[in-house]
Amino acid sequence: MKLIDTDGLEAALAAFATERDWDRFHTPRNLILALTGEVGELAEIFQWKTDGQAEAVMQGEEAEHVRQEVADVLLYLMRLAMVLDIDIDAAVREKIRLNALKYPATR
């Protein structure tokens, strides 16, 4: 059973990079640096907010900015997985399995 179907996203990202001749720039190092930058931009939105303000951010004027930064993080992470030939669905399923072993439900 697939948890995450990334086929369409992978095809769109591959086409986008190829059409712009960006494949040569999409090295693991470059992608992880870009991903880190995007995570920083997302974190900046929440920096110095109280927990209450952070929880309400999607009801305010920053909601679209948050959506854009989350999308940027996802796109760079997916592109990195593609370049490293990581099957995201398999990696996520395995990580959930390992977490269940490490943190068993106690209820």
PDB file of N, CA and C in Angstrom:
ATOM      1  N   MET A   1       0.831  -1.183   0.000  1.00  0.00           N
ATOM      2  CA  MET A   1       0.000   0.000   0.000  1.00  0.00           C
ATOM      3  C   MET A   1       0.880   1.253   0.000  1.00  0.00           C
ATOM      4  N   LYS A   2       0.631   2.137  -0.948  1.00  0.00           N
ATOM      5  CA  LYS A   2       1.377   3.392  -1.013  1.00  0.00           C
ATOM      6  C   LYS A   2       0.784   4.402  -0.052  1.00  0.00           C
ATOM      7  N   LEU A   3       1.641   5.058   0.699  1.00  0.00           N
ATOM      8  CA  LEU A   3       1.209   6.163   1.548  1.00  0.00           C
ATOM      9  C   LEU A   3       1.311   7.482   0.798  1.00  0.00           C
ATOM     10  N   ILE A   4       2.349   7.594  -0.030  1.00  0.00           N
ATOM     11  CA  ILE A   4       2.607   8.835  -0.760  1.00  0.00           C
ATOM     12  C   ILE A   4       2.852   8.487  -2.227  1.00  0.00           C
ATOM     13  N   ASP A   5       2.018   9.004  -3.092  1.00  0.00           N
ATOM     14  CA  ASP A   5       2.208   8.799  -4.534  1.00  0.00           C
ATOM     15  C   ASP A   5       2.852  10.054  -5.110  1.00  0.00           C
ATOM     16  N   THR A   6       4.138   9.963  -5.428  1.00  0.00           N
ATOM     17  CA  THR A   6       4.896  11.130  -5.885  1.00  0.00           C
ATOM     18  C   THR A   6       5.135  11.133  -7.396  1.00  0.00           C
ATOM     19  N   ASP A   7       4.570  10.187  -8.112  1.00  0.00           N
ATOM     20  CA  ASP A   7       4.859  10.065  -9.545  1.00  0.00           C
ATOM     21  C   ASP A   7       4.588  11.352 -10.313  1.00  0.00           C
ATOM     22  N   GLY A   8       3.438  11.946 -10.096  1.00  0.00           N
ATOM     23  CA  GLY A   8       3.088  13.177 -10.812  1.00  0.00           C
ATOM     24  C   GLY A   8       4.014  14.329 -10.453  1.00  0.00           C
ATOM     25  N   LEU A   9       4.310  14.464  -9.174  1.00  0.00           N
ATOM     26  CA  LEU A   9       5.208  15.529  -8.721  1.00  0.00           C
ATOM     27  C   LEU A   9       6.605  15.329  -9.283  1.00  0.00           C
ATOM     28  N   GLU A  10       7.082  14.101  -9.254  1.00  0.00           N
ATOM     29  CA  GLU A  10       8.412  13.824  -9.796  1.00  0.00           C
ATOM     30  C   GLU A  10       8.480  14.150 -11.284  1.00  0.00           C
ATOM     31  N   ALA A  11       7.457  13.787 -12.034  1.00  0.00           N
ATOM     32  CA  ALA A  11       7.428  14.082 -13.471  1.00  0.00           C
ATOM     33  C   ALA A  11       7.419  15.585 -13.707  1.00  0.00           C
ATOM     34  N   ALA A  12       6.620  16.314 -12.930  1.00  0.00           N
ATOM     35  CA  ALA A  12       6.547  17.767 -13.099  1.00  0.00           C
ATOM     36  C   ALA A  12       7.879  18.430 -12.749  1.00  0.00           C
ATOM     37  N   LEU A  13       8.507  17.993 -11.666  1.00  0.00           N
ATOM     38  CA  LEU A  13       9.795  18.576 -11.271  1.00  0.00           C
ATOM     39  C   LEU A  13      10.886  18.250 -12.279  1.00  0.00           C
ATOM     40  N   ALA A  14      10.903  17.030 -12.777  1.00  0.00           N
ATOM     41  CA  ALA A  14      11.903  16.648 -13.775  1.00  0.00           C
ATOM     42  C   ALA A  14      11.735  17.471 -15.041  1.00  0.00           C
ATOM     43  N   ALA A  15      10.507  17.635 -15.499  1.00  0.00           N
ATOM     44  CA  ALA A  15      10.249  18.421 -16.705  1.00  0.00           C
ATOM     45  C   ALA A  15      10.645  19.877 -16.490  1.00  0.00           C
ATOM     46  N   PHE A  16      10.293  20.436 -15.347  1.00  0.00           N
ATOM     47  CA  PHE A  16      10.615  21.831 -15.036  1.00  0.00           C
ATOM     48  C   PHE A  16      12.125  22.059 -15.083  1.00  0.00           C
ATOM     49  N   ALA A  17      12.886  21.154 -14.450  1.00  0.00           N
ATOM     50  CA  ALA A  17      14.345  21.297 -14.431  1.00  0.00           C
ATOM     51  C   ALA A  17      14.943  21.103 -15.817  1.00  0.00           C
ATOM     52  N   THR A  18      14.459  20.115 -16.549  1.00  0.00           N
ATOM     53  CA  THR A  18      14.994  19.829 -17.884  1.00  0.00           C
ATOM     54  C   THR A  18      14.719  20.975 -18.844  1.00  0.00           C
ATOM     55  N   GLU A  19      13.523  21.525 -18.807  1.00  0.00           N
ATOM     56  CA  GLU A  19      13.158  22.631 -19.702  1.00  0.00           C
ATOM     57  C   GLU A  19      14.037  23.855 -19.483  1.00  0.00           C
ATOM     58  N   ARG A  20      14.591  24.006 -18.304  1.00  0.00           N
ATOM     59  CA  ARG A  20      15.422  25.162 -17.984  1.00  0.00           C
ATOM     60  C   ARG A  20      16.916  24.821 -17.946  1.00  0.00           C
ATOM     61  N   ASP A  21      17.247  23.577 -18.270  1.00  0.00           N
ATOM     62  CA  ASP A  21      18.624  23.085 -18.224  1.00  0.00           C
ATOM     63  C   ASP A  21      19.222  23.247 -16.824  1.00  0.00           C
ATOM     64  N   TRP A  22      18.421  22.937 -15.821  1.00  0.00           N
ATOM     65  CA  TRP A  22      18.855  23.079 -14.433  1.00  0.00           C
ATOM     66  C   TRP A  22      19.369  21.776 -13.841  1.00  0.00           C
ATOM     67  N   ASP A  23      19.253  20.677 -14.540  1.00  0.00           N
ATOM     68  CA  ASP A  23      19.708  19.404 -13.978  1.00  0.00           C
ATOM     69  C   ASP A  23      21.163  19.478 -13.537  1.00  0.00           C
ATOM     70  N   ARG A  24      21.972  20.178 -14.279  1.00  0.00           N
ATOM     71  CA  ARG A  24      23.400  20.268 -13.947  1.00  0.00           C
ATOM     72  C   ARG A  24      23.642  21.003 -12.636  1.00  0.00           C
ATOM     73  N   PHE A  25      22.681  21.831 -12.215  1.00  0.00           N
ATOM     74  CA  PHE A  25      22.804  22.556 -10.954  1.00  0.00           C
ATOM     75  C   PHE A  25      22.182  21.799  -9.785  1.00  0.00           C
ATOM     76  N   HIS A  26      21.378  20.805 -10.081  1.00  0.00           N
ATOM     77  CA  HIS A  26      20.661  20.081  -9.032  1.00  0.00           C
ATOM     78  C   HIS A  26      21.502  18.941  -8.470  1.00  0.00           C
ATOM     79  N   THR A  27      22.607  19.332  -7.857  1.00  0.00           N
ATOM     80  CA  THR A  27      23.470  18.382  -7.163  1.00  0.00           C
ATOM     81  C   THR A  27      22.943  18.232  -5.735  1.00  0.00           C
ATOM     82  N   PRO A  28      23.272  17.133  -5.087  1.00  0.00           N
ATOM     83  CA  PRO A  28      22.825  16.995  -3.699  1.00  0.00           C
ATOM     84  C   PRO A  28      23.225  18.188  -2.824  1.00  0.00           C
ATOM     85  N   ARG A  29      24.442  18.656  -2.959  1.00  0.00           N
ATOM     86  CA  ARG A  29      24.905  19.787  -2.145  1.00  0.00           C
ATOM     87  C   ARG A  29      24.076  21.032  -2.420  1.00  0.00           C
ATOM     88  N   ASN A  30      23.880  21.365  -3.680  1.00  0.00           N
ATOM     89  CA  ASN A  30      23.106  22.557  -4.020  1.00  0.00           C
ATOM     90  C   ASN A  30      21.662  22.447  -3.540  1.00  0.00           C
ATOM     91  N   LEU A  31      21.090  21.275  -3.693  1.00  0.00           N
ATOM     92  CA  LEU A  31      19.691  21.095  -3.290  1.00  0.00           C
ATOM     93  C   LEU A  31      19.521  21.162  -1.784  1.00  0.00           C
ATOM     94  N   ILE A  32      20.444  20.572  -1.020  1.00  0.00           N
ATOM     95  CA  ILE A  32      20.320  20.635   0.435  1.00  0.00           C
ATOM     96  C   ILE A  32      20.539  22.055   0.928  1.00  0.00           C
ATOM     97  N   LEU A  33      21.401  22.799   0.287  1.00  0.00           N
ATOM     98  CA  LEU A  33      21.592  24.206   0.675  1.00  0.00           C
ATOM     99  C   LEU A  33      20.344  25.027   0.355  1.00  0.00           C
ATOM    100  N   ALA A  34      19.753  24.793  -0.802  1.00  0.00           N
ATOM    101  CA  ALA A  34      18.522  25.493  -1.161  1.00  0.00           C
ATOM    102  C   ALA A  34      17.389  25.108  -0.210  1.00  0.00           C
ATOM    103  N   LEU A  35      17.296  23.824   0.119  1.00  0.00           N
ATOM    104  CA  LEU A  35      16.275  23.347   1.044  1.00  0.00           C
ATOM    105  C   LEU A  35      16.442  24.007   2.411  1.00  0.00           C
ATOM    106  N   THR A  36      17.669  24.075   2.880  1.00  0.00           N
ATOM    107  CA  THR A  36      17.948  24.706   4.172  1.00  0.00           C
ATOM    108  C   THR A  36      17.528  26.172   4.165  1.00  0.00           C
ATOM    109  N   GLY A  37      17.800  26.856   3.063  1.00  0.00           N
ATOM    110  CA  GLY A  37      17.387  28.251   2.939  1.00  0.00           C
ATOM    111  C   GLY A  37      15.879  28.407   3.004  1.00  0.00           C
ATOM    112  N   GLU A  38      15.174  27.513   2.333  1.00  0.00           N
ATOM    113  CA  GLU A  38      13.705  27.588   2.327  1.00  0.00           C
ATOM    114  C   GLU A  38      13.124  27.269   3.703  1.00  0.00           C
ATOM    115  N   VAL A  39      13.721  26.306   4.405  1.00  0.00           N
ATOM    116  CA  VAL A  39      13.275  26.012   5.769  1.00  0.00           C
ATOM    117  C   VAL A  39      13.497  27.249   6.644  1.00  0.00           C
ATOM    118  N   GLY A  40      14.599  27.935   6.434  1.00  0.00           N
ATOM    119  CA  GLY A  40      14.876  29.164   7.175  1.00  0.00           C
ATOM    120  C   GLY A  40      13.833  30.237   6.897  1.00  0.00           C
ATOM    121  N   GLU A  41      13.420  30.363   5.632  1.00  0.00           N
ATOM    122  CA  GLU A  41      12.389  31.347   5.287  1.00  0.00           C
ATOM    123  C   GLU A  41      11.063  31.000   5.945  1.00  0.00           C
ATOM    124  N   LEU A  42      10.743  29.715   6.024  1.00  0.00           N
ATOM    125  CA  LEU A  42       9.530  29.288   6.705  1.00  0.00           C
ATOM    126  C   LEU A  42       9.634  29.577   8.204  1.00  0.00           C
ATOM    127  N   ALA A  43      10.770  29.252   8.790  1.00  0.00           N
ATOM    128  CA  ALA A  43      10.970  29.489  10.223  1.00  0.00           C
ATOM    129  C   ALA A  43      10.890  30.977  10.551  1.00  0.00           C
ATOM    130  N   GLU A  44      11.360  31.804   9.657  1.00  0.00           N
ATOM    131  CA  GLU A  44      11.359  33.253   9.888  1.00  0.00           C
ATOM    132  C   GLU A  44       9.941  33.790  10.096  1.00  0.00           C
ATOM    133  N   ILE A  45       8.976  33.197   9.423  1.00  0.00           N
ATOM    134  CA  ILE A  45       7.591  33.634   9.569  1.00  0.00           C
ATOM    135  C   ILE A  45       7.128  33.436  11.017  1.00  0.00           C
ATOM    136  N   PHE A  46       7.588  32.375  11.651  1.00  0.00           N
ATOM    137  CA  PHE A  46       7.142  32.020  12.990  1.00  0.00           C
ATOM    138  C   PHE A  46       8.053  32.544  14.099  1.00  0.00           C
ATOM    139  N   GLN A  47       9.219  33.026  13.700  1.00  0.00           N
ATOM    140  CA  GLN A  47      10.182  33.506  14.683  1.00  0.00           C
ATOM    141  C   GLN A  47       9.581  34.645  15.500  1.00  0.00           C
ATOM    142  N   TRP A  48       9.766  34.586  16.784  1.00  0.00           N
ATOM    143  CA  TRP A  48       9.344  35.613  17.733  1.00  0.00           C
ATOM    144  C   TRP A  48       7.838  35.680  17.945  1.00  0.00           C
ATOM    145  N   LYS A  49       7.091  34.743  17.388  1.00  0.00           N
ATOM    146  CA  LYS A  49       5.657  34.679  17.656  1.00  0.00           C
ATOM    147  C   LYS A  49       5.427  33.828  18.907  1.00  0.00           C
ATOM    148  N   THR A  50       4.366  34.128  19.628  1.00  0.00           N
ATOM    149  CA  THR A  50       3.974  33.256  20.730  1.00  0.00           C
ATOM    150  C   THR A  50       3.369  31.994  20.124  1.00  0.00           C
ATOM    151  N   ASP A  51       3.171  30.963  20.926  1.00  0.00           N
ATOM    152  CA  ASP A  51       2.527  29.752  20.428  1.00  0.00           C
ATOM    153  C   ASP A  51       1.137  30.075  19.887  1.00  0.00           C
ATOM    154  N   GLY A  52       0.413  30.926  20.576  1.00  0.00           N
ATOM    155  CA  GLY A  52      -0.925  31.306  20.125  1.00  0.00           C
ATOM    156  C   GLY A  52      -0.903  32.021  18.778  1.00  0.00           C
ATOM    157  N   GLN A  53       0.034  32.938  18.607  1.00  0.00           N
ATOM    158  CA  GLN A  53       0.158  33.639  17.325  1.00  0.00           C
ATOM    159  C   GLN A  53       0.537  32.669  16.215  1.00  0.00           C
ATOM    160  N   ALA A  54       1.429  31.741  16.510  1.00  0.00           N
ATOM    161  CA  ALA A  54       1.859  30.761  15.505  1.00  0.00           C
ATOM    162  C   ALA A  54       0.704  29.849  15.096  1.00  0.00           C
ATOM    163  N   GLU A  55      -0.103  29.448  16.064  1.00  0.00           N
ATOM    164  CA  GLU A  55      -1.248  28.583  15.757  1.00  0.00           C
ATOM    165  C   GLU A  55      -2.287  29.298  14.903  1.00  0.00           C
ATOM    166  N   ALA A  56      -2.344  30.619  14.990  1.00  0.00           N
ATOM    167  CA  ALA A  56      -3.340  31.404  14.246  1.00  0.00           C
ATOM    168  C   ALA A  56      -2.810  31.945  12.923  1.00  0.00           C
ATOM    169  N   VAL A  57      -1.585  31.632  12.571  1.00  0.00           N
ATOM    170  CA  VAL A  57      -0.965  32.253  11.399  1.00  0.00           C
ATOM    171  C   VAL A  57      -1.737  31.988  10.105  1.00  0.00           C
ATOM    172  N   MET A  58      -2.384  30.843   9.999  1.00  0.00           N
ATOM    173  CA  MET A  58      -3.096  30.517   8.758  1.00  0.00           C
ATOM    174  C   MET A  58      -4.434  31.244   8.643  1.00  0.00           C
ATOM    175  N   GLN A  59      -4.831  31.957   9.687  1.00  0.00           N
ATOM    176  CA  GLN A  59      -6.044  32.762   9.611  1.00  0.00           C
ATOM    177  C   GLN A  59      -5.724  34.231   9.342  1.00  0.00           C
ATOM    178  N   GLY A  60      -4.453  34.551   9.179  1.00  0.00           N
ATOM    179  CA  GLY A  60      -4.043  35.939   9.004  1.00  0.00           C
ATOM    180  C   GLY A  60      -3.463  36.214   7.637  1.00  0.00           C
ATOM    181  N   GLU A  61      -2.859  37.377   7.533  1.00  0.00           N
ATOM    182  CA  GLU A  61      -2.319  37.839   6.248  1.00  0.00           C
ATOM    183  C   GLU A  61      -1.067  37.080   5.810  1.00  0.00           C
ATOM    184  N   GLU A  62      -0.473  36.317   6.705  1.00  0.00           N
ATOM    185  CA  GLU A  62       0.734  35.556   6.355  1.00  0.00           C
ATOM    186  C   GLU A  62       0.429  34.160   5.812  1.00  0.00           C
ATOM    187  N   ALA A  63      -0.837  33.794   5.743  1.00  0.00           N
ATOM    188  CA  ALA A  63      -1.213  32.435   5.338  1.00  0.00           C
ATOM    189  C   ALA A  63      -0.646  32.062   3.969  1.00  0.00           C
ATOM    190  N   GLU A  64      -0.775  32.926   2.997  1.00  0.00           N
ATOM    191  CA  GLU A  64      -0.270  32.610   1.652  1.00  0.00           C
ATOM    192  C   GLU A  64       1.247  32.476   1.652  1.00  0.00           C
ATOM    193  N   HIS A  65       1.922  33.320   2.415  1.00  0.00           N
ATOM    194  CA  HIS A  65       3.378  33.237   2.524  1.00  0.00           C
ATOM    195  C   HIS A  65       3.782  31.876   3.110  1.00  0.00           C
ATOM    196  N   VAL A  66       3.075  31.423   4.136  1.00  0.00           N
ATOM    197  CA  VAL A  66       3.347  30.117   4.739  1.00  0.00           C
ATOM    198  C   VAL A  66       3.145  29.018   3.703  1.00  0.00           C
ATOM    199  N   ARG A  67       2.030  29.073   2.967  1.00  0.00           N
ATOM    200  CA  ARG A  67       1.760  28.054   1.935  1.00  0.00           C
ATOM    201  C   ARG A  67       2.889  28.004   0.912  1.00  0.00           C
ATOM    202  N   GLN A  68       3.351  29.173   0.464  1.00  0.00           N
ATOM    203  CA  GLN A  68       4.420  29.232  -0.535  1.00  0.00           C
ATOM    204  C   GLN A  68       5.721  28.638   0.002  1.00  0.00           C
ATOM    205  N   GLU A  69       6.054  28.960   1.241  1.00  0.00           N
ATOM    206  CA  GLU A  69       7.308  28.447   1.811  1.00  0.00           C
ATOM    207  C   GLU A  69       7.229  26.943   2.072  1.00  0.00           C
ATOM    208  N   VAL A  70       6.079  26.454   2.526  1.00  0.00           N
ATOM    209  CA  VAL A  70       5.912  25.003   2.709  1.00  0.00           C
ATOM    210  C   VAL A  70       6.061  24.302   1.359  1.00  0.00           C
ATOM    211  N   ALA A  71       5.479  24.885   0.321  1.00  0.00           N
ATOM    212  CA  ALA A  71       5.607  24.295  -1.021  1.00  0.00           C
ATOM    213  C   ALA A  71       7.065  24.283  -1.460  1.00  0.00           C
ATOM    214  N   ASP A  72       7.788  25.377  -1.228  1.00  0.00           N
ATOM    215  CA  ASP A  72       9.206  25.420  -1.594  1.00  0.00           C
ATOM    216  C   ASP A  72       9.989  24.318  -0.892  1.00  0.00           C
ATOM    217  N   VAL A  73       9.728  24.133   0.403  1.00  0.00           N
ATOM    218  CA  VAL A  73      10.420  23.089   1.170  1.00  0.00           C
ATOM    219  C   VAL A  73      10.125  21.719   0.575  1.00  0.00           C
ATOM    220  N   LEU A  74       8.858  21.460   0.293  1.00  0.00           N
ATOM    221  CA  LEU A  74       8.473  20.164  -0.275  1.00  0.00           C
ATOM    222  C   LEU A  74       9.121  19.940  -1.638  1.00  0.00           C
ATOM    223  N   LEU A  75       9.120  20.959  -2.485  1.00  0.00           N
ATOM    224  CA  LEU A  75       9.684  20.805  -3.831  1.00  0.00           C
ATOM    225  C   LEU A  75      11.183  20.519  -3.788  1.00  0.00           C
ATOM    226  N   TYR A  76      11.914  21.255  -2.952  1.00  0.00           N
ATOM    227  CA  TYR A  76      13.352  20.993  -2.850  1.00  0.00           C
ATOM    228  C   TYR A  76      13.630  19.635  -2.217  1.00  0.00           C
ATOM    229  N   LEU A  77      12.849  19.252  -1.215  1.00  0.00           N
ATOM    230  CA  LEU A  77      13.042  17.944  -0.595  1.00  0.00           C
ATOM    231  C   LEU A  77      12.769  16.823  -1.597  1.00  0.00           C
ATOM    232  N   MET A  78      11.713  16.975  -2.376  1.00  0.00           N
ATOM    233  CA  MET A  78      11.387  15.960  -3.377  1.00  0.00           C
ATOM    234  C   MET A  78      12.472  15.885  -4.444  1.00  0.00           C
ATOM    235  N   ARG A  79      12.953  17.038  -4.883  1.00  0.00           N
ATOM    236  CA  ARG A  79      14.012  17.055  -5.905  1.00  0.00           C
ATOM    237  C   ARG A  79      15.286  16.401  -5.369  1.00  0.00           C
ATOM    238  N   LEU A  80      15.605  16.656  -4.109  1.00  0.00           N
ATOM    239  CA  LEU A  80      16.767  16.025  -3.485  1.00  0.00           C
ATOM    240  C   LEU A  80      16.594  14.510  -3.462  1.00  0.00           C
ATOM    241  N   ALA A  81      15.411  14.045  -3.068  1.00  0.00           N
ATOM    242  CA  ALA A  81      15.141  12.607  -3.060  1.00  0.00           C
ATOM    243  C   ALA A  81      15.286  12.020  -4.464  1.00  0.00           C
ATOM    244  N   MET A  82      14.828  12.745  -5.465  1.00  0.00           N
ATOM    245  CA  MET A  82      14.946  12.265  -6.846  1.00  0.00           C
ATOM    246  C   MET A  82      16.407  12.119  -7.253  1.00  0.00           C
ATOM    247  N   VAL A  83      17.207  13.135  -6.966  1.00  0.00           N
ATOM    248  CA  VAL A  83      18.622  13.128  -7.351  1.00  0.00           C
ATOM    249  C   VAL A  83      19.377  12.012  -6.621  1.00  0.00           C
ATOM    250  N   LEU A  84      18.982  11.750  -5.373  1.00  0.00           N
ATOM    251  CA  LEU A  84      19.636  10.696  -4.593  1.00  0.00           C
ATOM    252  C   LEU A  84      19.004   9.328  -4.803  1.00  0.00           C
ATOM    253  N   ASP A  85      17.994   9.266  -5.675  1.00  0.00           N
ATOM    254  CA  ASP A  85      17.285   8.030  -5.995  1.00  0.00           C
ATOM    255  C   ASP A  85      16.680   7.387  -4.740  1.00  0.00           C
ATOM    256  N   ILE A  86      16.015   8.218  -3.939  1.00  0.00           N
ATOM    257  CA  ILE A  86      15.323   7.747  -2.739  1.00  0.00           C
ATOM    258  C   ILE A  86      13.839   7.619  -3.069  1.00  0.00           C
ATOM    259  N   ASP A  87      13.298   6.465  -2.819  1.00  0.00           N
ATOM    260  CA  ASP A  87      11.860   6.235  -2.964  1.00  0.00           C
ATOM    261  C   ASP A  87      11.210   6.795  -1.702  1.00  0.00           C
ATOM    262  N   ILE A  88      10.596   7.956  -1.813  1.00  0.00           N
ATOM    263  CA  ILE A  88      10.019   8.641  -0.653  1.00  0.00           C
ATOM    264  C   ILE A  88       8.966   7.769   0.029  1.00  0.00           C
ATOM    265  N   ASP A  89       8.107   7.148  -0.742  1.00  0.00           N
ATOM    266  CA  ASP A  89       7.071   6.309  -0.140  1.00  0.00           C
ATOM    267  C   ASP A  89       7.695   5.189   0.688  1.00  0.00           C
ATOM    268  N   ALA A  90       8.665   4.492   0.144  1.00  0.00           N
ATOM    269  CA  ALA A  90       9.320   3.400   0.870  1.00  0.00           C
ATOM    270  C   ALA A  90      10.057   3.918   2.097  1.00  0.00           C
ATOM    271  N   ALA A  91      10.729   5.062   1.970  1.00  0.00           N
ATOM    272  CA  ALA A  91      11.462   5.636   3.099  1.00  0.00           C
ATOM    273  C   ALA A  91      10.509   6.042   4.222  1.00  0.00           C
ATOM    274  N   VAL A  92       9.379   6.628   3.869  1.00  0.00           N
ATOM    275  CA  VAL A  92       8.402   7.051   4.873  1.00  0.00           C
ATOM    276  C   VAL A  92       7.772   5.841   5.556  1.00  0.00           C
ATOM    277  N   ARG A  93       7.402   4.845   4.777  1.00  0.00           N
ATOM    278  CA  ARG A  93       6.821   3.645   5.374  1.00  0.00           C
ATOM    279  C   ARG A  93       7.795   2.989   6.346  1.00  0.00           C
ATOM    280  N   GLU A  94       9.060   2.896   5.958  1.00  0.00           N
ATOM    281  CA  GLU A  94      10.070   2.280   6.825  1.00  0.00           C
ATOM    282  C   GLU A  94      10.292   3.122   8.080  1.00  0.00           C
ATOM    283  N   LYS A  95      10.314   4.437   7.938  1.00  0.00           N
ATOM    284  CA  LYS A  95      10.527   5.308   9.093  1.00  0.00           C
ATOM    285  C   LYS A  95       9.361   5.205  10.075  1.00  0.00           C
ATOM    286  N   ILE A  96       8.146   5.138   9.577  1.00  0.00           N
ATOM    287  CA  ILE A  96       6.975   4.957  10.455  1.00  0.00           C
ATOM    288  C   ILE A  96       7.082   3.624  11.197  1.00  0.00           C
ATOM    289  N   ARG A  97       7.488   2.564  10.491  1.00  0.00           N
ATOM    290  CA  ARG A  97       7.665   1.246  11.119  1.00  0.00           C
ATOM    291  C   ARG A  97       8.713   1.309  12.226  1.00  0.00           C
ATOM    292  N   LEU A  98       9.855   1.933  11.936  1.00  0.00           N
ATOM    293  CA  LEU A  98      10.923   2.044  12.933  1.00  0.00           C
ATOM    294  C   LEU A  98      10.478   2.899  14.119  1.00  0.00           C
ATOM    295  N   ASN A  99       9.752   3.982  13.861  1.00  0.00           N
ATOM    296  CA  ASN A  99       9.267   4.828  14.950  1.00  0.00           C
ATOM    297  C   ASN A  99       8.279   4.077  15.844  1.00  0.00           C
ATOM    298  N   ALA A 100       7.463   3.216  15.243  1.00  0.00           N
ATOM    299  CA  ALA A 100       6.510   2.427  16.029  1.00  0.00           C
ATOM    300  C   ALA A 100       7.253   1.472  16.965  1.00  0.00           C
ATOM    301  N   LEU A 101       8.365   0.946  16.518  1.00  0.00           N
ATOM    302  CA  LEU A 101       9.171   0.079  17.370  1.00  0.00           C
ATOM    303  C   LEU A 101       9.867   0.877  18.474  1.00  0.00           C
ATOM    304  N   LYS A 102      10.361   2.031  18.108  1.00  0.00           N
ATOM    305  CA  LYS A 102      11.108   2.872  19.053  1.00  0.00           C
ATOM    306  C   LYS A 102      10.187   3.521  20.076  1.00  0.00           C
ATOM    307  N   TYR A 103       8.987   3.888  19.646  1.00  0.00           N
ATOM    308  CA  TYR A 103       8.017   4.572  20.512  1.00  0.00           C
ATOM    309  C   TYR A 103       6.698   3.812  20.516  1.00  0.00           C
ATOM    310  N   PRO A 104       6.653   2.660  21.198  1.00  0.00           N
ATOM    311  CA  PRO A 104       5.430   1.871  21.184  1.00  0.00           C
ATOM    312  C   PRO A 104       4.278   2.606  21.871  1.00  0.00           C
ATOM    313  N   ALA A 105       3.076   2.389  21.354  1.00  0.00           N
ATOM    314  CA  ALA A 105       1.883   2.979  21.965  1.00  0.00           C
ATOM    315  C   ALA A 105       1.705   2.363  23.348  1.00  0.00           C
ATOM    316  N   THR A 106       1.386   3.197  24.303  1.00  0.00           N
ATOM    317  CA  THR A 106       1.250   2.706  25.677  1.00  0.00           C
ATOM    318  C   THR A 106      -0.201   2.659  26.125  1.00  0.00           C
ATOM    319  N   ARG A 107      -1.115   3.021  25.291  1.00  0.00           N
ATOM    320  CA  ARG A 107      -2.539   3.022  25.673  1.00  0.00           C
ATOM    321  C   ARG A 107      -3.162   1.668  25.411  1.00  0.00           C
TER     322      ARG A 107
END
